[in-house]
N, C-alpha and C. Protein backbone atom coordinates (compact mmCIF):
# COMPACT_ATOMS: atom_id res chain seq x y z
N MET A 1 98.99 102.36 121.82
CA MET A 1 98.49 102.35 120.45
C MET A 1 99.47 101.62 119.54
N THR A 2 98.90 100.97 118.52
CA THR A 2 99.75 100.29 117.55
C THR A 2 99.53 100.87 116.17
N GLN A 3 100.54 100.72 115.34
CA GLN A 3 100.46 101.14 113.95
C GLN A 3 100.87 99.98 113.07
N THR A 4 100.45 100.03 111.82
CA THR A 4 100.83 99.02 110.84
C THR A 4 101.95 99.58 109.97
N VAL A 5 103.06 98.87 109.92
CA VAL A 5 104.15 99.23 108.99
C VAL A 5 104.17 98.16 107.91
N THR A 6 104.32 98.60 106.68
CA THR A 6 104.19 97.69 105.54
C THR A 6 105.31 97.94 104.55
N ALA A 7 105.77 96.87 103.93
CA ALA A 7 106.83 97.00 102.93
C ALA A 7 106.62 95.96 101.83
N LEU A 8 106.91 96.37 100.62
CA LEU A 8 106.91 95.49 99.46
C LEU A 8 108.35 95.23 99.07
N PHE A 9 108.65 93.96 98.73
CA PHE A 9 109.98 93.57 98.30
C PHE A 9 109.88 92.87 96.95
N ASP A 10 110.85 93.12 96.08
CA ASP A 10 110.86 92.45 94.79
C ASP A 10 111.29 90.99 94.93
N ARG A 11 112.10 90.70 95.94
CA ARG A 11 112.60 89.34 96.13
C ARG A 11 112.17 88.78 97.48
N TYR A 12 111.72 87.55 97.48
CA TYR A 12 111.34 86.88 98.72
C TYR A 12 112.50 86.86 99.71
N GLU A 13 113.72 86.66 99.21
CA GLU A 13 114.88 86.57 100.09
C GLU A 13 115.05 87.83 100.93
N ASP A 14 114.85 89.00 100.31
CA ASP A 14 114.96 90.26 101.05
C ASP A 14 113.85 90.37 102.10
N ALA A 15 112.65 89.95 101.72
CA ALA A 15 111.53 90.00 102.65
C ALA A 15 111.76 89.08 103.85
N SER A 16 112.30 87.90 103.59
CA SER A 16 112.52 86.96 104.70
C SER A 16 113.59 87.48 105.66
N ILE A 17 114.60 88.18 105.13
CA ILE A 17 115.59 88.81 106.01
C ILE A 17 114.92 89.87 106.87
N ALA A 18 114.03 90.66 106.27
CA ALA A 18 113.31 91.68 107.03
C ALA A 18 112.49 91.05 108.15
N VAL A 19 111.81 89.95 107.85
CA VAL A 19 111.01 89.27 108.87
C VAL A 19 111.89 88.79 110.01
N ARG A 20 113.01 88.15 109.68
CA ARG A 20 113.92 87.66 110.73
C ARG A 20 114.45 88.82 111.58
N ASN A 21 114.76 89.94 110.93
CA ASN A 21 115.28 91.09 111.67
C ASN A 21 114.21 91.72 112.56
N LEU A 22 112.97 91.75 112.10
CA LEU A 22 111.89 92.24 112.95
C LEU A 22 111.73 91.35 114.18
N GLU A 23 111.76 90.04 113.97
CA GLU A 23 111.63 89.12 115.09
C GLU A 23 112.82 89.26 116.05
N ALA A 24 114.04 89.42 115.49
CA ALA A 24 115.23 89.58 116.32
C ALA A 24 115.16 90.87 117.15
N ALA A 25 114.45 91.86 116.63
CA ALA A 25 114.30 93.13 117.35
C ALA A 25 113.19 93.06 118.39
N GLY A 26 112.51 91.91 118.47
CA GLY A 26 111.50 91.75 119.51
C GLY A 26 110.07 91.89 119.06
N VAL A 27 109.83 92.03 117.76
CA VAL A 27 108.45 92.07 117.27
C VAL A 27 107.94 90.63 117.24
N PRO A 28 106.86 90.33 117.97
CA PRO A 28 106.38 88.94 118.01
C PRO A 28 105.95 88.46 116.62
N ALA A 29 106.20 87.18 116.34
CA ALA A 29 105.80 86.60 115.06
C ALA A 29 104.30 86.76 114.84
N SER A 30 103.53 86.76 115.91
CA SER A 30 102.07 86.90 115.79
C SER A 30 101.66 88.29 115.30
N ASP A 31 102.59 89.25 115.32
CA ASP A 31 102.29 90.61 114.84
C ASP A 31 102.90 90.90 113.48
N ILE A 32 103.46 89.88 112.84
CA ILE A 32 104.09 90.03 111.53
C ILE A 32 103.34 89.16 110.53
N SER A 33 103.21 89.64 109.30
CA SER A 33 102.61 88.86 108.23
C SER A 33 103.47 88.93 106.99
N MET A 34 103.36 87.88 106.17
CA MET A 34 104.06 87.85 104.89
C MET A 34 103.13 87.24 103.85
N VAL A 35 103.09 87.85 102.67
CA VAL A 35 102.37 87.30 101.53
C VAL A 35 103.32 87.39 100.34
N ALA A 36 103.72 86.23 99.81
CA ALA A 36 104.69 86.17 98.71
C ALA A 36 104.10 85.47 97.51
N ASN A 37 104.22 86.08 96.34
CA ASN A 37 103.74 85.47 95.11
C ASN A 37 104.47 84.14 94.88
N ASN A 38 103.72 83.11 94.50
CA ASN A 38 104.31 81.80 94.28
C ASN A 38 104.04 81.26 92.87
N VAL A 39 103.78 82.15 91.90
CA VAL A 39 103.48 81.69 90.55
C VAL A 39 104.66 80.93 89.94
N GLU A 40 105.88 81.23 90.39
CA GLU A 40 107.07 80.54 89.89
C GLU A 40 107.29 79.20 90.59
N ASN A 41 106.39 78.89 91.54
CA ASN A 41 106.43 77.60 92.24
C ASN A 41 107.74 77.39 92.99
N TRP A 42 108.31 78.46 93.54
CA TRP A 42 109.54 78.33 94.31
C TRP A 42 109.29 77.62 95.64
N HIS A 43 108.07 77.75 96.17
CA HIS A 43 107.70 77.01 97.38
C HIS A 43 106.73 75.93 96.94
N ARG A 44 107.17 74.67 97.02
CA ARG A 44 106.37 73.57 96.49
C ARG A 44 105.48 72.98 97.57
N ALA A 45 104.31 72.53 97.13
CA ALA A 45 103.34 71.95 98.05
C ALA A 45 103.85 70.69 98.72
N ASP A 46 104.80 69.99 98.07
CA ASP A 46 105.29 68.75 98.66
C ASP A 46 106.44 68.98 99.64
N GLU A 47 106.83 70.26 99.83
CA GLU A 47 107.83 70.57 100.84
C GLU A 47 107.15 70.65 102.20
N PRO A 48 107.89 70.43 103.28
CA PRO A 48 107.29 70.51 104.60
C PRO A 48 106.69 71.90 104.84
N ALA A 49 105.47 71.92 105.32
CA ALA A 49 104.80 73.18 105.65
C ALA A 49 103.77 72.89 106.73
N THR A 50 103.41 73.92 107.47
CA THR A 50 102.46 73.70 108.54
C THR A 50 101.04 73.96 108.10
N ALA A 51 100.86 74.35 106.84
CA ALA A 51 99.52 74.64 106.35
C ALA A 51 99.16 73.70 105.22
N SER A 52 97.86 73.57 104.96
CA SER A 52 97.38 72.73 103.88
C SER A 52 97.87 73.27 102.55
N ALA A 53 98.14 72.38 101.61
CA ALA A 53 98.57 72.80 100.28
C ALA A 53 97.39 73.08 99.37
N ASP A 54 96.18 72.91 99.87
CA ASP A 54 94.99 73.21 99.08
C ASP A 54 95.02 74.67 98.70
N ALA A 55 94.80 74.98 97.42
CA ALA A 55 94.95 76.37 96.95
C ALA A 55 93.68 77.19 97.09
N GLY A 56 92.68 76.72 97.77
CA GLY A 56 91.45 77.51 97.95
C GLY A 56 91.68 78.63 98.92
N VAL A 57 90.89 79.72 98.82
CA VAL A 57 91.00 80.84 99.74
C VAL A 57 90.74 80.33 101.14
N GLY A 58 91.65 80.64 102.04
CA GLY A 58 91.49 80.23 103.42
C GLY A 58 91.94 78.82 103.69
N ALA A 59 92.50 78.13 102.72
CA ALA A 59 92.92 76.75 102.94
C ALA A 59 94.00 76.71 104.00
N GLY A 60 93.84 75.85 104.97
CA GLY A 60 94.82 75.73 106.03
C GLY A 60 94.98 77.00 106.82
N LEU A 61 93.94 77.83 106.86
CA LEU A 61 94.08 79.17 107.41
C LEU A 61 94.49 79.15 108.86
N GLY A 62 93.97 78.21 109.62
CA GLY A 62 94.34 78.15 111.03
C GLY A 62 95.83 77.97 111.19
N ALA A 63 96.40 77.08 110.38
CA ALA A 63 97.84 76.85 110.46
C ALA A 63 98.62 78.02 109.89
N VAL A 64 98.15 78.57 108.76
CA VAL A 64 98.86 79.67 108.12
C VAL A 64 98.87 80.90 109.02
N ALA A 65 97.76 81.17 109.69
CA ALA A 65 97.66 82.38 110.50
C ALA A 65 98.45 82.27 111.79
N GLY A 66 98.84 81.06 112.17
CA GLY A 66 99.56 80.87 113.42
C GLY A 66 100.99 81.33 113.33
N GLY A 67 101.62 81.54 114.46
CA GLY A 67 103.00 81.98 114.48
C GLY A 67 103.94 80.84 114.79
N GLY A 68 103.73 80.19 115.90
CA GLY A 68 104.56 79.05 116.27
C GLY A 68 105.99 79.45 116.53
N ALA A 69 106.93 78.78 115.88
CA ALA A 69 108.35 78.96 116.12
C ALA A 69 108.93 80.11 115.31
N GLY A 70 108.15 81.03 114.91
CA GLY A 70 108.59 82.13 114.07
C GLY A 70 107.76 82.14 112.81
N LEU A 71 107.57 83.30 112.27
CA LEU A 71 106.66 83.45 111.14
C LEU A 71 107.04 82.56 109.95
N LEU A 72 108.31 82.52 109.60
CA LEU A 72 108.73 81.78 108.41
C LEU A 72 108.49 80.28 108.55
N ALA A 73 108.45 79.78 109.78
CA ALA A 73 108.16 78.36 109.99
C ALA A 73 106.71 78.05 109.72
N GLY A 74 105.85 79.06 109.70
CA GLY A 74 104.42 78.84 109.50
C GLY A 74 103.93 79.12 108.10
N LEU A 75 104.83 79.31 107.13
CA LEU A 75 104.41 79.62 105.77
C LEU A 75 103.61 78.47 105.18
N GLY A 76 102.53 78.80 104.48
CA GLY A 76 101.71 77.80 103.81
C GLY A 76 101.17 78.35 102.51
N LEU A 77 100.65 77.47 101.68
CA LEU A 77 100.13 77.84 100.37
C LEU A 77 98.65 78.16 100.44
N MET A 78 98.24 79.17 99.68
CA MET A 78 96.84 79.49 99.52
C MET A 78 96.69 80.32 98.24
N ALA A 79 95.47 80.69 97.90
CA ALA A 79 95.24 81.54 96.73
C ALA A 79 94.49 82.78 97.19
N ILE A 80 94.82 83.91 96.57
CA ILE A 80 94.14 85.17 96.85
C ILE A 80 93.59 85.70 95.53
N PRO A 81 92.31 86.06 95.49
CA PRO A 81 91.72 86.57 94.24
C PRO A 81 92.53 87.73 93.66
N GLY A 82 92.82 87.63 92.37
CA GLY A 82 93.55 88.67 91.68
C GLY A 82 95.05 88.55 91.79
N VAL A 83 95.53 87.74 92.72
CA VAL A 83 96.96 87.55 92.93
C VAL A 83 97.37 86.16 92.48
N GLY A 84 96.56 85.16 92.85
CA GLY A 84 96.86 83.78 92.50
C GLY A 84 97.53 83.07 93.64
N PRO A 85 98.39 82.08 93.33
CA PRO A 85 99.01 81.28 94.38
C PRO A 85 100.04 82.11 95.15
N VAL A 86 99.92 82.05 96.48
CA VAL A 86 100.86 82.77 97.34
C VAL A 86 101.33 81.84 98.44
N VAL A 87 102.47 82.18 98.99
CA VAL A 87 102.97 81.58 100.22
C VAL A 87 102.76 82.65 101.27
N ALA A 88 102.06 82.30 102.34
CA ALA A 88 101.65 83.33 103.27
C ALA A 88 101.61 82.81 104.70
N ALA A 89 101.71 83.75 105.64
CA ALA A 89 101.56 83.46 107.06
C ALA A 89 101.26 84.76 107.78
N GLY A 90 100.58 84.65 108.92
CA GLY A 90 100.40 85.79 109.79
C GLY A 90 98.99 86.34 109.83
N TRP A 91 98.83 87.37 110.65
CA TRP A 91 97.51 87.94 110.94
C TRP A 91 96.85 88.57 109.72
N LEU A 92 97.64 89.15 108.81
CA LEU A 92 97.05 89.78 107.63
C LEU A 92 96.37 88.75 106.74
N VAL A 93 96.91 87.53 106.72
CA VAL A 93 96.33 86.46 105.91
C VAL A 93 94.92 86.15 106.37
N ALA A 94 94.76 86.00 107.68
CA ALA A 94 93.43 85.72 108.23
C ALA A 94 92.49 86.89 107.96
N THR A 95 92.99 88.10 108.09
CA THR A 95 92.17 89.28 107.83
C THR A 95 91.78 89.36 106.36
N ALA A 96 92.73 89.06 105.46
CA ALA A 96 92.45 89.10 104.02
C ALA A 96 91.40 88.07 103.64
N ALA A 97 91.54 86.86 104.17
CA ALA A 97 90.56 85.82 103.85
C ALA A 97 89.19 86.19 104.39
N GLY A 98 89.14 86.77 105.59
CA GLY A 98 87.87 87.22 106.16
C GLY A 98 87.26 88.33 105.33
N ALA A 99 88.11 89.24 104.82
CA ALA A 99 87.61 90.33 103.99
C ALA A 99 87.07 89.80 102.67
N VAL A 100 87.71 88.76 102.12
CA VAL A 100 87.21 88.14 100.89
C VAL A 100 85.82 87.57 101.14
N LEU A 101 85.68 86.84 102.24
CA LEU A 101 84.38 86.25 102.55
C LEU A 101 83.35 87.33 102.80
N GLY A 102 83.75 88.42 103.47
CA GLY A 102 82.82 89.52 103.71
C GLY A 102 82.38 90.19 102.43
N ALA A 103 83.34 90.35 101.49
CA ALA A 103 83.00 90.97 100.21
C ALA A 103 82.04 90.08 99.44
N ALA A 104 82.26 88.76 99.52
CA ALA A 104 81.37 87.84 98.82
C ALA A 104 79.96 87.91 99.38
N ALA A 105 79.86 88.28 100.65
CA ALA A 105 78.55 88.39 101.29
C ALA A 105 78.01 89.81 101.23
N GLY A 106 78.65 90.66 100.46
CA GLY A 106 78.17 92.03 100.30
C GLY A 106 78.83 93.01 101.24
N GLY A 107 79.97 92.62 101.84
CA GLY A 107 80.65 93.50 102.79
C GLY A 107 81.62 94.43 102.09
N ALA A 108 82.65 94.82 102.82
CA ALA A 108 83.63 95.78 102.32
C ALA A 108 84.55 95.12 101.30
N ALA A 109 85.44 95.93 100.72
CA ALA A 109 86.39 95.42 99.73
C ALA A 109 87.18 94.27 100.32
N GLY A 110 87.40 93.24 99.51
CA GLY A 110 88.03 92.04 100.03
C GLY A 110 89.51 91.94 99.73
N GLY A 111 90.08 90.83 100.13
CA GLY A 111 91.45 90.50 99.82
C GLY A 111 92.47 91.37 100.51
N ILE A 112 93.64 91.47 99.88
CA ILE A 112 94.75 92.20 100.47
C ILE A 112 94.42 93.66 100.67
N VAL A 113 93.81 94.31 99.67
CA VAL A 113 93.50 95.74 99.78
C VAL A 113 92.60 95.99 100.98
N GLY A 114 91.53 95.20 101.12
CA GLY A 114 90.62 95.37 102.24
C GLY A 114 91.30 95.15 103.57
N ALA A 115 92.15 94.12 103.66
CA ALA A 115 92.85 93.83 104.90
C ALA A 115 93.81 94.97 105.26
N LEU A 116 94.53 95.49 104.26
CA LEU A 116 95.47 96.57 104.53
C LEU A 116 94.76 97.86 104.94
N THR A 117 93.73 98.24 104.20
CA THR A 117 93.03 99.49 104.54
C THR A 117 92.36 99.38 105.90
N ASN A 118 91.83 98.21 106.24
CA ASN A 118 91.24 98.02 107.57
C ASN A 118 92.28 98.10 108.68
N SER A 119 93.55 97.93 108.31
CA SER A 119 94.64 98.00 109.27
C SER A 119 95.29 99.37 109.31
N GLY A 120 94.76 100.32 108.55
CA GLY A 120 95.26 101.69 108.59
C GLY A 120 96.16 102.10 107.45
N VAL A 121 96.39 101.21 106.48
CA VAL A 121 97.22 101.58 105.32
C VAL A 121 96.35 102.39 104.36
N PRO A 122 96.84 103.55 103.87
CA PRO A 122 96.06 104.33 102.92
C PRO A 122 95.68 103.51 101.69
N GLU A 123 94.48 103.72 101.16
CA GLU A 123 93.98 102.90 100.06
C GLU A 123 94.87 102.93 98.83
N LYS A 124 95.41 104.11 98.50
CA LYS A 124 96.27 104.21 97.32
C LYS A 124 97.49 103.30 97.47
N GLN A 125 98.13 103.32 98.65
CA GLN A 125 99.28 102.45 98.88
C GLN A 125 98.87 100.99 98.93
N ALA A 126 97.72 100.69 99.53
CA ALA A 126 97.24 99.31 99.62
C ALA A 126 97.07 98.71 98.23
N ASN A 127 96.59 99.51 97.29
CA ASN A 127 96.43 99.04 95.91
C ASN A 127 97.77 98.74 95.27
N VAL A 128 98.78 99.57 95.53
CA VAL A 128 100.11 99.33 94.98
C VAL A 128 100.72 98.07 95.60
N TYR A 129 100.55 97.90 96.92
CA TYR A 129 101.08 96.70 97.57
C TYR A 129 100.46 95.44 96.98
N ALA A 130 99.14 95.43 96.81
CA ALA A 130 98.46 94.26 96.26
C ALA A 130 98.92 94.00 94.83
N GLU A 131 99.05 95.06 94.03
CA GLU A 131 99.52 94.90 92.66
C GLU A 131 100.95 94.40 92.64
N GLY A 132 101.76 94.87 93.58
CA GLY A 132 103.14 94.41 93.66
C GLY A 132 103.24 92.92 93.92
N VAL A 133 102.38 92.40 94.79
CA VAL A 133 102.36 90.96 95.04
C VAL A 133 101.88 90.24 93.79
N ARG A 134 100.86 90.78 93.13
CA ARG A 134 100.35 90.18 91.88
C ARG A 134 101.46 90.05 90.84
N ARG A 135 102.35 91.03 90.82
CA ARG A 135 103.43 91.05 89.83
C ARG A 135 104.69 90.34 90.29
N GLY A 136 104.59 89.58 91.38
CA GLY A 136 105.71 88.75 91.79
C GLY A 136 106.40 89.14 93.08
N GLY A 137 105.93 90.18 93.73
CA GLY A 137 106.59 90.66 94.94
C GLY A 137 106.17 89.94 96.21
N THR A 138 106.76 90.38 97.31
CA THR A 138 106.47 89.85 98.63
C THR A 138 106.14 91.01 99.56
N LEU A 139 105.05 90.87 100.27
CA LEU A 139 104.56 91.91 101.18
C LEU A 139 104.85 91.49 102.61
N VAL A 140 105.43 92.40 103.39
CA VAL A 140 105.65 92.17 104.82
C VAL A 140 104.92 93.28 105.57
N THR A 141 104.15 92.88 106.56
CA THR A 141 103.37 93.82 107.36
C THR A 141 103.57 93.50 108.83
N ALA A 142 103.76 94.53 109.64
CA ALA A 142 103.93 94.31 111.08
C ALA A 142 103.11 95.31 111.87
N ARG A 143 102.54 94.84 112.96
CA ARG A 143 101.85 95.72 113.91
C ARG A 143 102.84 96.01 115.03
N VAL A 144 103.13 97.30 115.21
CA VAL A 144 104.09 97.69 116.24
C VAL A 144 103.53 98.85 117.04
N SER A 145 104.03 99.01 118.26
CA SER A 145 103.61 100.13 119.09
C SER A 145 104.15 101.42 118.49
N ASP A 146 103.50 102.53 118.83
CA ASP A 146 103.89 103.83 118.27
C ASP A 146 105.38 104.11 118.46
N ASP A 147 105.93 103.73 119.61
CA ASP A 147 107.32 104.04 119.88
C ASP A 147 108.32 103.15 119.13
N ARG A 148 107.81 102.16 118.38
CA ARG A 148 108.70 101.27 117.63
C ARG A 148 108.56 101.43 116.11
N VAL A 149 107.74 102.38 115.67
CA VAL A 149 107.51 102.57 114.23
C VAL A 149 108.80 102.93 113.50
N ILE A 150 109.56 103.86 114.04
CA ILE A 150 110.80 104.29 113.38
C ILE A 150 111.77 103.12 113.26
N GLU A 151 111.93 102.36 114.34
CA GLU A 151 112.83 101.20 114.33
C GLU A 151 112.37 100.16 113.31
N ALA A 152 111.07 99.87 113.28
CA ALA A 152 110.55 98.87 112.33
C ALA A 152 110.76 99.32 110.89
N ASN A 153 110.52 100.59 110.61
CA ASN A 153 110.73 101.09 109.25
C ASN A 153 112.21 101.07 108.88
N ARG A 154 113.09 101.31 109.82
CA ARG A 154 114.52 101.24 109.55
C ARG A 154 114.91 99.81 109.18
N ILE A 155 114.34 98.83 109.88
CA ILE A 155 114.63 97.43 109.57
C ILE A 155 114.14 97.08 108.16
N LEU A 156 112.93 97.51 107.82
CA LEU A 156 112.38 97.23 106.49
C LEU A 156 113.20 97.92 105.40
N ASP A 157 113.63 99.15 105.66
CA ASP A 157 114.45 99.87 104.68
C ASP A 157 115.78 99.18 104.43
N SER A 158 116.36 98.58 105.48
CA SER A 158 117.68 97.96 105.35
C SER A 158 117.64 96.68 104.53
N SER A 159 116.43 96.19 104.23
CA SER A 159 116.29 94.94 103.47
C SER A 159 115.82 95.17 102.03
N ARG A 160 116.10 96.33 101.49
CA ARG A 160 115.78 96.64 100.08
C ARG A 160 114.28 96.75 99.82
N ARG A 161 113.61 97.47 100.67
CA ARG A 161 112.18 97.73 100.52
C ARG A 161 111.94 98.58 99.27
N VAL A 162 110.83 98.29 98.58
CA VAL A 162 110.43 99.05 97.39
C VAL A 162 109.84 100.39 97.84
N ASN A 163 110.18 101.47 97.13
CA ASN A 163 109.53 102.76 97.38
C ASN A 163 108.14 102.69 96.75
N VAL A 164 107.12 102.65 97.59
CA VAL A 164 105.75 102.40 97.11
C VAL A 164 105.25 103.51 96.20
N ASP A 165 105.64 104.76 96.45
CA ASP A 165 105.18 105.87 95.61
C ASP A 165 105.81 105.80 94.22
N THR A 166 107.11 105.52 94.18
CA THR A 166 107.82 105.39 92.91
C THR A 166 107.27 104.22 92.10
N ARG A 167 107.04 103.09 92.78
CA ARG A 167 106.53 101.91 92.09
C ARG A 167 105.11 102.15 91.58
N GLY A 168 104.29 102.79 92.39
CA GLY A 168 102.93 103.11 91.94
C GLY A 168 102.93 103.99 90.71
N ALA A 169 103.84 104.96 90.67
CA ALA A 169 103.96 105.85 89.50
C ALA A 169 104.39 105.05 88.28
N ALA A 170 105.30 104.09 88.47
CA ALA A 170 105.74 103.25 87.34
C ALA A 170 104.59 102.41 86.82
N TYR A 171 103.78 101.86 87.72
CA TYR A 171 102.62 101.08 87.28
C TYR A 171 101.64 101.96 86.49
N GLN A 172 101.44 103.18 86.97
CA GLN A 172 100.49 104.09 86.31
C GLN A 172 100.94 104.48 84.92
N LYS A 173 102.24 104.56 84.69
CA LYS A 173 102.75 104.89 83.35
C LYS A 173 102.34 103.85 82.32
N SER A 174 102.12 102.62 82.78
CA SER A 174 101.72 101.56 81.86
C SER A 174 100.20 101.43 81.75
N GLY A 175 99.48 102.39 82.34
CA GLY A 175 98.02 102.39 82.24
C GLY A 175 97.29 101.81 83.44
N TRP A 176 98.01 101.33 84.43
CA TRP A 176 97.39 100.77 85.63
C TRP A 176 96.80 101.88 86.48
N SER A 177 95.66 101.63 87.12
CA SER A 177 95.10 102.66 88.00
C SER A 177 94.87 102.16 89.42
N ARG A 178 94.49 100.88 89.55
CA ARG A 178 94.27 100.30 90.88
C ARG A 178 94.26 98.79 90.77
N PHE A 179 94.45 98.12 91.88
CA PHE A 179 94.44 96.67 91.91
C PHE A 179 93.06 96.15 91.50
N ASP A 180 93.05 95.18 90.60
CA ASP A 180 91.81 94.59 90.11
C ASP A 180 91.82 93.10 90.42
N PRO A 181 91.00 92.65 91.38
CA PRO A 181 91.00 91.22 91.72
C PRO A 181 90.52 90.32 90.59
N ASP A 182 89.92 90.91 89.55
CA ASP A 182 89.45 90.13 88.40
C ASP A 182 90.44 90.15 87.23
N ALA A 183 91.57 90.83 87.39
CA ALA A 183 92.56 90.91 86.32
C ALA A 183 93.21 89.54 86.12
N PRO A 184 93.67 89.25 84.90
CA PRO A 184 94.35 87.97 84.66
C PRO A 184 95.59 87.85 85.55
N LEU A 185 95.85 86.64 86.01
CA LEU A 185 97.02 86.40 86.83
C LEU A 185 98.29 86.51 85.98
N TYR A 186 99.38 86.92 86.60
CA TYR A 186 100.66 86.97 85.92
C TYR A 186 101.20 85.55 85.78
N SER A 187 101.82 85.27 84.64
CA SER A 187 102.50 83.99 84.45
C SER A 187 103.89 84.08 85.08
N ASP A 188 104.56 82.93 85.21
CA ASP A 188 105.91 82.97 85.76
C ASP A 188 106.85 83.77 84.87
N GLU A 189 106.64 83.72 83.56
CA GLU A 189 107.47 84.50 82.64
C GLU A 189 107.21 86.00 82.81
N GLN A 190 105.96 86.40 82.96
CA GLN A 190 105.64 87.81 83.19
C GLN A 190 106.23 88.30 84.50
N VAL A 191 106.20 87.47 85.53
CA VAL A 191 106.78 87.84 86.81
C VAL A 191 108.28 88.05 86.66
N ARG A 192 108.96 87.14 85.94
CA ARG A 192 110.40 87.29 85.74
C ARG A 192 110.72 88.58 84.99
N ARG A 193 109.95 88.88 83.94
CA ARG A 193 110.17 90.12 83.18
C ARG A 193 109.92 91.35 84.05
N GLU A 194 108.88 91.30 84.85
CA GLU A 194 108.56 92.42 85.74
C GLU A 194 109.68 92.66 86.74
N ARG A 195 110.20 91.59 87.30
CA ARG A 195 111.26 91.72 88.30
C ARG A 195 112.52 92.30 87.67
N GLU A 196 112.80 91.93 86.43
CA GLU A 196 114.00 92.45 85.75
C GLU A 196 113.94 93.96 85.55
N LEU A 197 112.75 94.53 85.53
CA LEU A 197 112.62 95.98 85.38
C LEU A 197 113.19 96.74 86.57
N TYR A 198 113.19 96.10 87.73
CA TYR A 198 113.52 96.82 88.96
C TYR A 198 114.76 96.32 89.68
N LEU A 199 115.24 95.13 89.33
CA LEU A 199 116.41 94.60 90.05
C LEU A 199 117.70 94.87 89.29
């Protein structure tokens, strides 16, 4: 049996360290995903990437979803409803894009929340994770066997993982209740201000 372990990071750098450490511990790149907010344009379309720079949902999805020489080598640009431009790679990206298309056709909830809940993440936490990415964060998700869950969580904790319950409570204090894919996107200035609250 496998389980999904998930972590939100305020900084891409911390998330990338977590990804490298998961891979070094033997978690295959094909079982790890990353979705990082790119509203600040830190990852530019003209930089080398294995995915299309087209910002449409699912753009370059075949390349983005692939693992290749490690997850970070496969990062590509795309857009996710309610989040905006992201740099992403891995299985969750393909699942999120499929959930978006399914929702458009009358299926289940789409995007990151739908992909996370379909992978076993509780809906309340999935909403906080999606909102965290919307506000400038980076999401790392890994599928691991039951006997590796503790090890994977220890790796994520060592890279400055956000406490999802504490962060959700902070969002709720400002009137937030759940991730809204129709909410206005955060600007780069809003993302910087949001990050300053927690770093």
